[in-house]
Amino acid sequence: MIGIISFVGFTILVAVISWSATRKTNENTSEGYFLGGRSLTAGVIAGSLLLTNLSTEQIVGLNGAAFSEGILVMAWETLAAIAMVVTAIFLLPRYLKSGLITIPQFLAERFDTTTKTLTSILFLSGYAIVLLPTILYSGSLAISGMFDIPSLLGVSKEVALWICVWSIGIIGSIYAVFGGLKAVAVSDAINAIGLLIGGILIPVFGLLYIGENNLVNGIQILQNQIPNHFNAIGSSSASVPFMTIFTGMMLVQIFYWGTNQQIIQRALGAKNLKEGQKGLLLGAFIKILGPLIVVLPGVVAYYMSSQGMLNVGASDEAYGALVKRVLPKEFIGFFAAVLFGAILSSFNSVLNSSVTLFGIDIYKEHLEPKANEKEVVKYGKSFGIILAIIAMFIAPFLSSLKSIFAYLQQVNGVYSIPILTIIFVGFVTKRVPAIAAKIGLITGSLLYIISEFILRPSFIKSALERAKASGEIFNETIVKAEAYPHFLHIMAILFLLNTLIMLFIGIVHPKQKAYEQKESKQVDVTPWRYTKLVGGCICITVILIYYYFS
């Protein structure tokens, strides 16, 4: 009962503070609703970036991967810091200089309206079919497990899953659709503090449990007993082979932190470039600490499971099992509230970005060009409600997934690499025409789909059949890894191929007039004087972490 009371109390507190902070924001305008009136400060931006990214698909999924493979999966966290530095130094100044509300708006300016629309549709498809349902499903698993919803309500696990999905979806929709970006960002910043505290408590209690109330002893036991789980260099059969760090991994990170609407929208809402850059760099520093929350608990759970201290079925159940075992009951309600906030944050951030993309890039551009800003916001909200309902229906059917995180990362490539390619070419060239961008979007998506969902299964099936026919003992994981290039390598190959195609078209059929970036002067674009220095220190820290754990 204490847990439920503290859960409800903290959740209501966040809602009240968010309402209080946003009630004076004019949300009938595009900038007021979609960008929080361009008033976000560094702390709010960093907190919102953290919570938008760090939800249960990350916490549950990455800890599950760490349970199976060790700290090598920390690449998804630590390398994000470098991508955020790149965004702060190179991308954000360009975005704010143009006064952008959405990333596709840059593509309209650089190429044409059709390119912008196609990109928005790709974003929305990925959000509706992949990201939103995954967030809802993984979040529902966590909440249902922590409060034992099936027993509490006397229902089956399947019914409990549906109840949690719709509860999270409805509350998240209220934040995102009716509160606008500022409500989302403020609630994120508050929950970020709670998540950092609560998230770090889990491995601390786990290490104390292992070390018999001695934290240092717990760390030493882990390093001595399972040294392979502390090697950051992944083999060719690992989920993150070391060489992918230099190929597709960095491309995925730059797309996510530098061009993905749900993330970059926080920085676009900055009151000026200084605050935006400081927010990104503060977020980058926090991401370096991320493995303490999303990797170390999985390693602790693996050791406890190997010693019979913990009963873990599937790897994605490792985090929930650890929380139940080591977290004192008096902390359950608070931690569940924080985790609930993280779930809501990711859900409502994606939903808010979807509303933004639809309202600005589709409704205003194609459905009702003469619509005033109040109408754009109104119909954007209506679209958000429909999108949320679709996601709530899809989410429960993801229960057949073997790995939440692996599924999310692999499927995201359908739209991430094509979009990153055309933005990259759009920035570094001036005469590549709009037709090249359209071809890049189409070929990038189709080639990735063919590679990952047709060729990969076929090659793996053939390799396994040959291995079985040989009559020799074989490792199925290694056979699968060697049968076809890792999907992160495929991303890098397709990025280069798409870039070359677009450059070739630019040579054969260049734009008659070279592109020149327009300056809106809506935002002060004076850079923070320490951006490059702090960014360099963050990058060096990431390199040193890899050196230590290699």
Protein backbone atom coordinates (compact mmCIF):
# COMPACT_ATOMS: atom_id res chain seq x y z
CA MET A 1 0.00 0.00 0.00
CA ILE A 2 2.86 2.41 0.85
CA GLY A 3 4.35 1.72 -2.58
CA ILE A 4 1.10 2.55 -4.36
CA ILE A 5 0.61 5.74 -2.32
CA SER A 6 4.14 6.99 -3.04
CA PHE A 7 3.72 6.07 -6.71
CA VAL A 8 0.48 8.04 -7.07
CA GLY A 9 1.83 10.93 -4.98
CA PHE A 10 5.01 11.44 -7.01
CA THR A 11 3.12 11.10 -10.30
CA ILE A 12 0.58 13.75 -9.27
CA LEU A 13 3.39 16.04 -8.04
CA VAL A 14 5.08 15.95 -11.46
CA ALA A 15 1.77 16.66 -13.19
CA VAL A 16 1.02 19.67 -10.95
CA ILE A 17 4.49 21.18 -11.41
CA SER A 18 4.28 20.67 -15.20
CA TRP A 19 0.87 22.36 -15.33
CA SER A 20 2.09 25.26 -13.19
CA ALA A 21 5.15 25.81 -15.37
CA THR A 22 3.22 25.78 -18.63
CA ARG A 23 -0.09 27.49 -17.86
CA LYS A 24 1.18 30.89 -19.08
CA THR A 25 2.58 29.53 -22.38
CA ASN A 26 0.48 30.47 -25.41
CA GLU A 27 -0.13 27.05 -26.96
CA ASN A 28 -2.37 28.30 -29.76
CA THR A 29 0.69 29.18 -31.83
CA SER A 30 3.08 26.79 -33.57
CA GLU A 31 6.10 27.94 -31.59
CA GLY A 32 4.17 27.99 -28.32
CA TYR A 33 2.78 24.47 -28.68
CA PHE A 34 5.48 22.70 -30.72
CA LEU A 35 8.59 24.39 -29.28
CA GLY A 36 7.47 25.58 -25.84
CA GLY A 37 7.65 29.21 -27.00
CA ARG A 38 11.39 28.79 -27.67
CA SER A 39 12.00 29.24 -23.94
CA LEU A 40 13.74 26.02 -22.89
CA THR A 41 16.92 26.33 -20.81
CA ALA A 42 19.94 24.00 -20.63
CA GLY A 43 18.78 22.01 -17.60
CA VAL A 44 15.31 21.40 -19.02
CA ILE A 45 16.74 20.43 -22.42
CA ALA A 46 19.25 17.97 -20.89
CA GLY A 47 16.61 16.41 -18.62
CA SER A 48 14.13 16.09 -21.45
CA LEU A 49 16.76 14.57 -23.76
CA LEU A 50 17.62 12.00 -21.09
CA LEU A 51 14.02 11.01 -20.36
CA THR A 52 12.97 11.01 -24.01
CA ASN A 53 15.74 8.53 -24.75
CA LEU A 54 15.87 6.56 -21.53
CA SER A 55 12.70 4.55 -21.13
CA THR A 56 11.86 0.93 -20.46
CA GLU A 57 12.80 -0.26 -23.95
CA GLN A 58 16.29 1.01 -23.06
CA ILE A 59 16.36 0.06 -19.37
CA VAL A 60 14.80 -3.36 -19.80
CA GLY A 61 16.25 -4.09 -23.25
CA LEU A 62 19.86 -3.00 -22.68
CA ASN A 63 20.08 -4.62 -19.26
CA GLY A 64 18.76 -7.78 -20.87
CA ALA A 65 21.50 -7.55 -23.49
CA ALA A 66 24.10 -6.91 -20.75
CA PHE A 67 22.81 -9.97 -18.88
CA SER A 68 23.61 -12.05 -21.97
CA GLU A 69 26.78 -10.35 -23.22
CA GLY A 70 28.22 -7.99 -20.64
CA ILE A 71 29.24 -4.34 -20.85
CA LEU A 72 30.06 -4.39 -24.57
CA VAL A 73 26.47 -3.20 -25.18
CA MET A 74 27.35 0.07 -23.43
CA ALA A 75 28.28 1.33 -26.92
CA TRP A 76 24.65 2.36 -27.36
CA GLU A 77 25.05 4.74 -24.40
CA THR A 78 28.64 6.00 -24.37
CA LEU A 79 28.88 6.68 -28.11
CA ALA A 80 25.70 8.72 -27.88
CA ALA A 81 27.78 11.31 -26.02
CA ILE A 82 30.00 11.82 -29.08
CA ALA A 83 26.96 12.18 -31.35
CA MET A 84 25.52 14.84 -29.02
CA VAL A 85 28.79 16.75 -29.17
CA VAL A 86 28.65 16.65 -32.98
CA THR A 87 25.07 17.93 -32.85
CA ALA A 88 25.96 20.76 -30.47
CA ILE A 89 28.92 21.97 -32.53
CA PHE A 90 27.83 21.42 -36.13
CA LEU A 91 24.09 20.76 -36.50
CA LEU A 92 22.24 22.85 -33.92
CA PRO A 93 23.74 26.20 -35.07
CA ARG A 94 22.44 25.50 -38.59
CA TYR A 95 19.00 24.49 -37.36
CA LEU A 96 18.53 27.54 -35.15
CA LYS A 97 19.92 29.87 -37.80
CA SER A 98 17.07 28.79 -40.09
CA GLY A 99 14.49 29.02 -37.30
CA LEU A 100 13.31 25.44 -37.89
CA ILE A 101 10.40 23.81 -36.05
CA THR A 102 10.85 20.42 -37.74
CA ILE A 103 13.85 18.78 -39.43
CA PRO A 104 11.86 18.13 -42.64
CA GLN A 105 11.45 21.93 -42.95
CA PHE A 106 15.18 22.09 -43.71
CA LEU A 107 14.65 19.53 -46.48
CA ALA A 108 11.90 21.67 -47.99
CA GLU A 109 14.25 24.63 -48.00
CA ARG A 110 17.21 22.63 -49.34
CA PHE A 111 15.37 20.36 -51.81
CA ASP A 112 11.59 20.75 -52.19
CA THR A 113 8.24 20.27 -50.48
CA THR A 114 7.76 16.70 -51.72
CA THR A 115 11.04 15.64 -50.10
CA LYS A 116 9.88 17.18 -46.85
CA THR A 117 6.55 15.36 -47.02
CA LEU A 118 8.12 11.98 -47.83
CA THR A 119 10.51 12.38 -44.89
CA SER A 120 7.70 13.30 -42.51
CA ILE A 121 5.71 10.25 -43.64
CA LEU A 122 8.76 8.02 -43.03
CA PHE A 123 9.20 9.47 -39.54
CA LEU A 124 5.51 9.04 -38.72
CA SER A 125 5.42 5.46 -40.03
CA GLY A 126 8.40 4.51 -37.88
CA TYR A 127 6.90 6.19 -34.82
CA ALA A 128 3.44 4.62 -35.24
CA ILE A 129 4.44 1.07 -36.15
CA VAL A 130 7.70 0.62 -34.25
CA LEU A 131 8.60 3.15 -31.59
CA LEU A 132 5.31 4.00 -29.86
CA PRO A 133 4.10 0.37 -29.53
CA THR A 134 7.53 -0.75 -28.28
CA ILE A 135 7.58 1.93 -25.58
CA LEU A 136 4.07 1.01 -24.46
CA TYR A 137 4.77 -2.73 -24.44
CA SER A 138 8.07 -2.59 -22.54
CA GLY A 139 6.70 -0.04 -20.09
CA SER A 140 3.66 -2.16 -19.39
CA LEU A 141 5.85 -5.19 -18.72
CA ALA A 142 7.83 -3.23 -16.14
CA ILE A 143 4.87 -1.68 -14.33
CA SER A 144 2.84 -4.91 -14.37
CA GLY A 145 5.78 -6.81 -12.90
CA MET A 146 6.66 -4.29 -10.19
CA PHE A 147 3.11 -4.05 -8.84
CA ASP A 148 2.14 -7.63 -9.75
CA ILE A 149 -0.93 -6.32 -11.56
CA PRO A 150 -2.30 -9.79 -12.44
CA SER A 151 -2.55 -10.73 -8.75
CA LEU A 152 -3.62 -7.26 -7.66
CA LEU A 153 -6.57 -7.17 -10.08
CA GLY A 154 -7.14 -10.91 -10.31
CA VAL A 155 -6.60 -11.04 -14.07
CA SER A 156 -4.34 -12.94 -16.48
CA LYS A 157 -0.96 -11.60 -17.60
CA GLU A 158 -2.40 -10.83 -21.04
CA VAL A 159 -5.30 -8.80 -19.61
CA ALA A 160 -2.93 -7.00 -17.22
CA LEU A 161 -0.74 -6.10 -20.21
CA TRP A 162 -3.70 -4.57 -22.06
CA ILE A 163 -4.73 -2.60 -18.95
CA CYS A 164 -1.23 -1.18 -18.45
CA VAL A 165 -0.79 -0.35 -22.15
CA TRP A 166 -4.01 1.65 -22.28
CA SER A 167 -3.39 3.35 -18.93
CA ILE A 168 0.07 4.52 -19.95
CA GLY A 169 -1.13 5.46 -23.42
CA ILE A 170 -4.04 7.58 -22.18
CA ILE A 171 -2.00 9.44 -19.53
CA GLY A 172 0.90 9.98 -21.94
CA SER A 173 -1.49 11.29 -24.60
CA ILE A 174 -2.88 13.85 -22.17
CA TYR A 175 0.63 15.22 -21.55
CA ALA A 176 1.69 15.22 -25.19
CA VAL A 177 -1.50 16.20 -26.99
CA PHE A 178 -2.98 18.70 -24.55
CA GLY A 179 0.16 19.98 -22.84
CA GLY A 180 2.49 20.70 -25.74
CA LEU A 181 6.29 20.46 -25.75
CA LYS A 182 6.85 22.58 -22.64
CA ALA A 183 4.66 20.31 -20.47
CA VAL A 184 6.55 17.33 -21.83
CA ALA A 185 9.96 18.93 -21.27
CA VAL A 186 9.24 20.17 -17.73
CA SER A 187 7.88 16.79 -16.61
CA ASP A 188 10.92 15.17 -18.23
CA ALA A 189 13.35 17.37 -16.31
CA ILE A 190 11.73 16.47 -12.97
CA ASN A 191 11.57 12.77 -13.75
CA ALA A 192 15.19 12.83 -14.98
CA ILE A 193 16.39 13.67 -11.47
CA GLY A 194 14.32 10.84 -10.02
CA LEU A 195 15.50 8.41 -12.68
CA LEU A 196 19.17 9.18 -12.05
CA ILE A 197 18.70 8.64 -8.32
CA GLY A 198 16.44 5.59 -8.61
CA GLY A 199 18.33 4.08 -11.53
CA ILE A 200 21.68 4.19 -9.72
CA LEU A 201 20.13 2.75 -6.54
CA ILE A 202 19.37 -0.55 -8.31
CA PRO A 203 23.00 -1.58 -9.08
CA VAL A 204 24.13 -0.13 -5.71
CA PHE A 205 21.69 -2.35 -3.79
CA GLY A 206 22.65 -5.24 -6.07
CA LEU A 207 26.37 -4.81 -5.36
CA LEU A 208 25.67 -4.50 -1.63
CA TYR A 209 23.69 -7.74 -1.82
CA ILE A 210 26.55 -9.54 -3.57
CA GLY A 211 29.24 -8.03 -1.34
CA GLU A 212 27.34 -8.65 1.89
CA ASN A 213 26.78 -4.92 2.56
CA ASN A 214 30.21 -3.95 1.20
CA LEU A 215 29.96 -2.06 -2.11
CA VAL A 216 33.66 -2.35 -3.04
CA ASN A 217 33.64 -6.04 -2.23
CA GLY A 218 30.64 -6.50 -4.52
CA ILE A 219 32.46 -4.83 -7.42
CA GLN A 220 35.57 -6.96 -6.86
CA ILE A 221 33.52 -10.16 -6.79
CA LEU A 222 31.94 -9.31 -10.14
CA GLN A 223 35.25 -8.46 -11.80
CA ASN A 224 36.94 -11.58 -10.44
CA GLN A 225 34.12 -14.06 -11.04
CA ILE A 226 32.79 -12.91 -14.44
CA PRO A 227 35.69 -11.03 -16.12
CA ASN A 228 34.31 -11.71 -19.62
CA HIS A 229 31.28 -9.58 -18.79
CA PHE A 230 33.61 -6.59 -18.29
CA ASN A 231 35.15 -6.62 -21.76
CA ALA A 232 33.91 -3.74 -23.91
CA ILE A 233 35.37 -5.19 -27.13
CA GLY A 234 32.71 -7.26 -28.85
CA SER A 235 33.63 -10.23 -31.05
CA SER A 236 32.24 -10.69 -34.57
CA SER A 237 29.37 -12.77 -33.16
CA ALA A 238 28.41 -10.21 -30.49
CA SER A 239 25.34 -8.01 -30.83
CA VAL A 240 27.74 -5.04 -31.08
CA PRO A 241 30.98 -6.18 -32.77
CA PHE A 242 33.80 -3.74 -32.06
CA MET A 243 34.24 -2.68 -35.69
CA THR A 244 30.61 -1.55 -35.92
CA ILE A 245 31.57 1.32 -33.63
CA PHE A 246 33.40 2.84 -36.59
CA THR A 247 30.69 2.10 -39.16
CA GLY A 248 26.93 1.96 -38.64
CA MET A 249 26.93 2.59 -34.88
CA MET A 250 28.08 6.20 -35.23
CA LEU A 251 25.65 6.78 -38.10
CA VAL A 252 22.76 5.52 -35.97
CA GLN A 253 23.86 7.75 -33.09
CA ILE A 254 24.18 10.87 -35.25
CA PHE A 255 20.79 10.22 -36.81
CA TYR A 256 19.15 9.71 -33.43
CA TRP A 257 20.69 12.66 -31.60
CA GLY A 258 21.15 15.05 -34.51
CA THR A 259 18.27 14.56 -36.94
CA ASN A 260 15.51 12.57 -35.21
CA GLN A 261 12.55 14.91 -34.63
CA GLN A 262 11.57 13.46 -31.25
CA ILE A 263 15.05 14.23 -29.86
CA ILE A 264 16.23 17.37 -31.62
CA GLN A 265 12.89 19.12 -31.00
CA ARG A 266 14.05 19.75 -27.42
CA ALA A 267 17.12 21.63 -28.62
CA LEU A 268 15.09 23.47 -31.29
CA GLY A 269 12.98 24.85 -28.44
CA ALA A 270 16.04 26.44 -26.77
CA LYS A 271 15.79 30.14 -25.91
CA ASN A 272 19.11 30.66 -27.72
CA LEU A 273 22.04 28.69 -29.17
CA LYS A 274 24.05 28.92 -25.94
CA GLU A 275 21.33 27.22 -23.91
CA GLY A 276 20.83 24.60 -26.62
CA GLN A 277 24.54 23.75 -26.76
CA LYS A 278 24.89 23.63 -22.98
CA GLY A 279 21.82 21.41 -22.76
CA LEU A 280 23.20 18.96 -25.33
CA LEU A 281 26.62 18.83 -23.66
CA LEU A 282 25.11 18.33 -20.20
CA GLY A 283 23.04 15.53 -21.70
CA ALA A 284 26.20 14.06 -23.26
CA PHE A 285 27.92 13.95 -19.88
CA ILE A 286 24.90 12.20 -18.35
CA LYS A 287 24.94 9.63 -21.18
CA ILE A 288 28.50 8.68 -20.18
CA LEU A 289 27.05 7.71 -16.79
CA GLY A 290 24.20 5.88 -18.52
CA PRO A 291 25.78 2.38 -18.32
CA LEU A 292 25.42 2.53 -14.52
CA ILE A 293 21.64 2.47 -15.07
CA VAL A 294 21.16 0.45 -18.26
CA VAL A 295 24.12 -1.96 -18.32
CA LEU A 296 25.55 -2.63 -14.83
CA PRO A 297 22.26 -3.99 -13.39
CA GLY A 298 22.19 -6.60 -16.16
CA VAL A 299 25.73 -7.70 -15.26
CA VAL A 300 24.79 -7.89 -11.56
CA ALA A 301 21.70 -9.94 -12.47
CA TYR A 302 23.85 -12.33 -14.54
CA TYR A 303 26.19 -13.02 -11.62
CA MET A 304 23.34 -13.48 -9.15
CA SER A 305 21.59 -15.81 -11.59
CA SER A 306 24.75 -17.86 -12.13
CA GLN A 307 25.08 -18.26 -8.35
CA GLY A 308 21.47 -19.27 -7.83
CA MET A 309 20.62 -15.99 -6.07
CA LEU A 310 18.16 -14.91 -8.77
CA ASN A 311 15.71 -16.73 -11.00
CA VAL A 312 15.76 -15.25 -14.51
CA GLY A 313 13.91 -16.74 -17.47
CA ALA A 314 14.37 -14.69 -20.64
CA SER A 315 17.14 -12.08 -20.65
CA ASP A 316 14.64 -9.20 -20.88
CA GLU A 317 13.27 -10.33 -17.48
CA ALA A 318 16.64 -9.78 -15.77
CA TYR A 319 16.08 -6.16 -14.76
CA GLY A 320 12.63 -6.71 -13.29
CA ALA A 321 13.84 -9.77 -11.36
CA LEU A 322 16.78 -7.80 -9.92
CA VAL A 323 14.58 -4.89 -8.84
CA LYS A 324 12.21 -7.27 -7.02
CA ARG A 325 15.09 -8.97 -5.23
CA VAL A 326 17.32 -6.09 -4.09
CA LEU A 327 15.17 -2.94 -3.87
CA PRO A 328 13.72 -2.35 -0.37
CA LYS A 329 9.92 -2.29 -0.35
CA GLU A 330 9.80 1.31 0.84
CA PHE A 331 11.53 2.39 -2.40
CA ILE A 332 9.28 0.43 -4.75
CA GLY A 333 6.60 3.11 -5.08
CA PHE A 334 9.09 5.92 -5.72
CA PHE A 335 11.07 3.91 -8.25
CA ALA A 336 7.91 2.73 -10.02
CA ALA A 337 6.78 6.38 -10.26
CA VAL A 338 10.13 7.38 -11.74
CA LEU A 339 10.03 4.49 -14.18
CA PHE A 340 6.45 5.40 -15.05
CA GLY A 341 7.65 8.95 -15.71
CA ALA A 342 10.37 7.63 -18.02
CA ILE A 343 7.81 5.56 -19.91
CA LEU A 344 5.47 8.53 -20.23
CA SER A 345 8.35 10.75 -21.29
CA SER A 346 9.41 8.60 -24.21
CA PHE A 347 5.81 7.97 -25.26
CA ASN A 348 4.62 11.55 -25.06
CA SER A 349 7.82 12.90 -26.61
CA VAL A 350 7.39 10.70 -29.68
CA LEU A 351 3.69 11.54 -29.80
CA ASN A 352 4.35 15.27 -29.48
CA SER A 353 6.88 15.10 -32.31
CA SER A 354 4.36 13.20 -34.41
CA VAL A 355 1.77 15.91 -33.80
CA THR A 356 4.37 18.49 -34.81
CA LEU A 357 5.33 16.70 -38.03
CA PHE A 358 1.71 16.18 -39.06
CA GLY A 359 0.54 19.68 -38.18
CA ILE A 360 3.42 21.61 -39.75
CA ASP A 361 4.58 19.39 -42.60
CA ILE A 362 1.41 17.66 -43.77
CA TYR A 363 -1.79 19.44 -42.62
CA LYS A 364 -0.54 22.99 -43.14
CA GLU A 365 1.40 22.11 -46.28
CA HIS A 366 -1.06 19.89 -48.14
CA LEU A 367 -4.46 19.54 -46.49
CA GLU A 368 -5.25 23.15 -45.54
CA PRO A 369 -2.55 25.65 -46.66
CA LYS A 370 -4.71 28.59 -45.53
CA ALA A 371 -5.18 27.27 -42.00
CA ASN A 372 -4.23 29.63 -39.20
CA GLU A 373 -1.89 28.54 -36.39
CA LYS A 374 -4.73 27.68 -34.02
CA GLU A 375 -6.22 25.31 -36.60
CA VAL A 376 -2.83 23.69 -37.25
CA VAL A 377 -2.43 22.96 -33.55
CA LYS A 378 -6.04 21.71 -33.28
CA TYR A 379 -5.78 19.20 -36.12
CA GLY A 380 -2.31 18.18 -35.05
CA LYS A 381 -3.77 17.22 -31.67
CA SER A 382 -6.53 15.20 -33.36
CA PHE A 383 -3.93 13.29 -35.35
CA GLY A 384 -1.98 12.63 -32.14
CA ILE A 385 -5.02 11.04 -30.51
CA ILE A 386 -5.54 8.73 -33.51
CA LEU A 387 -1.85 7.78 -33.56
CA ALA A 388 -1.90 6.99 -29.83
CA ILE A 389 -4.93 4.72 -30.21
CA ILE A 390 -3.26 2.83 -33.08
CA ALA A 391 -0.12 2.33 -30.97
CA MET A 392 -2.18 1.11 -28.00
CA PHE A 393 -3.80 -1.54 -30.17
CA ILE A 394 -0.48 -2.72 -31.66
CA ALA A 395 1.59 -2.81 -28.43
CA PRO A 396 0.21 -5.97 -26.76
CA PHE A 397 0.97 -8.02 -29.88
CA LEU A 398 4.74 -7.46 -29.42
CA SER A 399 4.82 -10.09 -26.66
CA SER A 400 6.34 -12.62 -29.09
CA LEU A 401 9.58 -10.63 -29.45
CA LYS A 402 12.79 -12.33 -28.28
CA SER A 403 14.62 -9.05 -27.65
CA ILE A 404 12.88 -5.69 -27.40
CA PHE A 405 16.04 -3.64 -27.90
CA ALA A 406 17.42 -5.66 -30.82
CA TYR A 407 14.07 -5.45 -32.63
CA LEU A 408 13.88 -1.69 -32.12
CA GLN A 409 17.39 -0.96 -33.38
CA GLN A 410 17.19 -3.21 -36.41
CA VAL A 411 13.80 -2.04 -37.66
CA ASN A 412 14.69 1.64 -37.14
CA GLY A 413 17.17 1.31 -40.00
CA VAL A 414 14.29 1.32 -42.50
CA TYR A 415 13.92 5.08 -42.08
CA SER A 416 17.00 6.27 -40.13
CA ILE A 417 19.70 5.75 -42.76
CA PRO A 418 17.75 7.16 -45.76
CA ILE A 419 16.83 10.28 -43.79
CA LEU A 420 20.36 10.76 -42.45
CA THR A 421 21.75 10.40 -45.98
CA ILE A 422 19.67 13.13 -47.55
CA ILE A 423 20.23 15.51 -44.61
CA PHE A 424 23.99 14.89 -44.81
CA VAL A 425 24.12 15.49 -48.56
CA GLY A 426 21.85 18.49 -48.15
CA PHE A 427 24.27 20.06 -45.67
CA VAL A 428 27.57 19.37 -47.45
CA THR A 429 26.52 20.11 -51.05
CA LYS A 430 24.82 23.01 -52.77
CA ARG A 431 23.82 21.71 -56.20
CA VAL A 432 22.50 18.17 -55.60
CA PRO A 433 18.87 18.39 -56.85
CA ALA A 434 15.60 17.38 -55.22
CA ILE A 435 15.19 14.30 -57.42
CA ALA A 436 18.37 12.88 -55.86
CA ALA A 437 16.87 13.21 -52.36
CA LYS A 438 13.67 11.43 -53.42
CA ILE A 439 15.65 8.59 -54.98
CA GLY A 440 17.85 8.41 -51.88
CA LEU A 441 14.82 8.03 -49.59
CA ILE A 442 13.22 5.33 -51.73
CA THR A 443 16.35 3.30 -52.52
CA GLY A 444 17.63 3.57 -48.94
CA SER A 445 14.43 2.17 -47.45
CA LEU A 446 13.90 -0.53 -50.08
CA LEU A 447 17.50 -1.79 -50.05
CA TYR A 448 17.52 -2.00 -46.26
CA ILE A 449 14.22 -3.91 -46.22
CA ILE A 450 15.51 -6.32 -48.88
CA SER A 451 18.79 -6.80 -47.03
CA GLU A 452 17.45 -7.31 -43.51
CA PHE A 453 14.12 -9.01 -44.05
CA ILE A 454 14.71 -11.05 -47.22
CA LEU A 455 18.43 -11.68 -47.81
CA ARG A 456 19.54 -12.01 -44.16
CA PRO A 457 17.01 -14.74 -43.22
CA SER A 458 17.79 -16.58 -46.45
CA PHE A 459 21.58 -16.51 -45.93
CA ILE A 460 21.26 -17.55 -42.28
CA LYS A 461 18.94 -20.43 -43.14
CA SER A 462 21.35 -21.71 -45.80
CA ALA A 463 24.35 -21.40 -43.45
CA LEU A 464 22.60 -23.35 -40.68
CA GLU A 465 21.56 -26.08 -43.12
CA ARG A 466 25.16 -26.44 -44.33
CA ALA A 467 26.43 -26.56 -40.75
CA LYS A 468 23.92 -29.28 -39.80
CA ALA A 469 24.71 -31.28 -42.94
CA SER A 470 28.44 -31.28 -42.12
CA GLY A 471 27.76 -33.39 -39.03
CA GLU A 472 30.20 -31.34 -36.95
CA ILE A 473 29.41 -29.58 -33.67
CA PHE A 474 28.83 -25.88 -34.31
CA ASN A 475 27.89 -22.70 -32.46
CA GLU A 476 24.62 -21.42 -33.89
CA THR A 477 25.31 -17.81 -32.83
CA ILE A 478 28.67 -17.76 -34.64
CA VAL A 479 27.21 -19.39 -37.76
CA LYS A 480 24.47 -16.74 -37.91
CA ALA A 481 26.98 -13.92 -37.40
CA GLU A 482 29.26 -15.17 -40.17
CA ALA A 483 26.44 -15.88 -42.62
CA TYR A 484 25.67 -12.24 -43.33
CA PRO A 485 27.19 -8.83 -42.40
CA HIS A 486 25.98 -7.24 -39.17
CA PHE A 487 23.04 -4.90 -39.67
CA LEU A 488 25.14 -1.93 -38.49
CA HIS A 489 27.67 -2.66 -41.25
CA ILE A 490 24.79 -2.88 -43.72
CA MET A 491 23.65 0.56 -42.57
CA ALA A 492 27.10 2.00 -43.25
CA ILE A 493 27.27 0.35 -46.69
CA LEU A 494 23.85 1.69 -47.65
CA PHE A 495 24.72 5.16 -46.34
CA LEU A 496 27.79 5.27 -48.59
CA LEU A 497 25.88 3.81 -51.54
CA ASN A 498 23.02 6.29 -51.19
CA THR A 499 25.44 9.18 -50.81
CA LEU A 500 27.31 8.17 -53.98
CA ILE A 501 24.02 7.84 -55.89
CA MET A 502 22.94 11.32 -54.82
CA LEU A 503 26.34 12.86 -55.64
CA PHE A 504 26.33 11.18 -59.06
CA ILE A 505 22.89 12.63 -59.81
CA GLY A 506 24.19 16.00 -58.64
CA ILE A 507 27.03 15.81 -61.16
CA VAL A 508 24.84 14.66 -64.05
CA HIS A 509 21.84 16.86 -63.28
CA PRO A 510 22.88 19.68 -60.90
CA LYS A 511 20.60 22.39 -59.56
CA GLN A 512 20.70 25.51 -61.66
CA LYS A 513 20.96 27.74 -58.60
CA ALA A 514 23.24 26.82 -55.69
CA TYR A 515 21.58 26.45 -52.30
CA GLU A 516 22.16 29.23 -49.76
CA GLN A 517 20.93 28.84 -46.21
CA LYS A 518 18.42 31.47 -45.11
CA GLU A 519 18.75 33.21 -41.77
CA SER A 520 15.54 33.75 -39.81
CA LYS A 521 16.98 35.76 -36.88
CA GLN A 522 14.27 34.32 -34.60
CA VAL A 523 16.87 32.99 -32.20
CA ASP A 524 20.16 34.38 -30.92
CA VAL A 525 22.76 32.08 -32.55
CA THR A 526 25.79 33.31 -30.60
CA PRO A 527 27.60 30.07 -29.64
CA TRP A 528 28.67 29.16 -26.12
CA ARG A 529 32.39 29.93 -25.91
CA TYR A 530 33.29 26.64 -24.19
CA THR A 531 31.35 24.32 -26.53
CA LYS A 532 34.36 22.87 -28.36
CA LEU A 533 36.48 22.57 -25.20
CA VAL A 534 33.80 20.75 -23.21
CA GLY A 535 32.87 18.66 -26.24
CA GLY A 536 36.49 17.60 -26.69
CA CYS A 537 36.75 16.58 -23.02
CA ILE A 538 33.60 14.45 -23.35
CA CYS A 539 34.98 12.65 -26.42
CA ILE A 540 38.31 11.96 -24.68
CA THR A 541 36.44 10.57 -21.66
CA VAL A 542 34.55 8.11 -23.89
CA ILE A 543 37.82 6.92 -25.47
CA LEU A 544 39.41 6.44 -22.03
CA ILE A 545 36.43 4.38 -20.85
CA TYR A 546 36.88 2.04 -23.80
CA TYR A 547 40.61 1.84 -23.18
CA TYR A 548 40.05 0.91 -19.53
CA PHE A 549 37.50 -1.82 -20.30
CA SER A 550 39.40 -3.34 -23.21
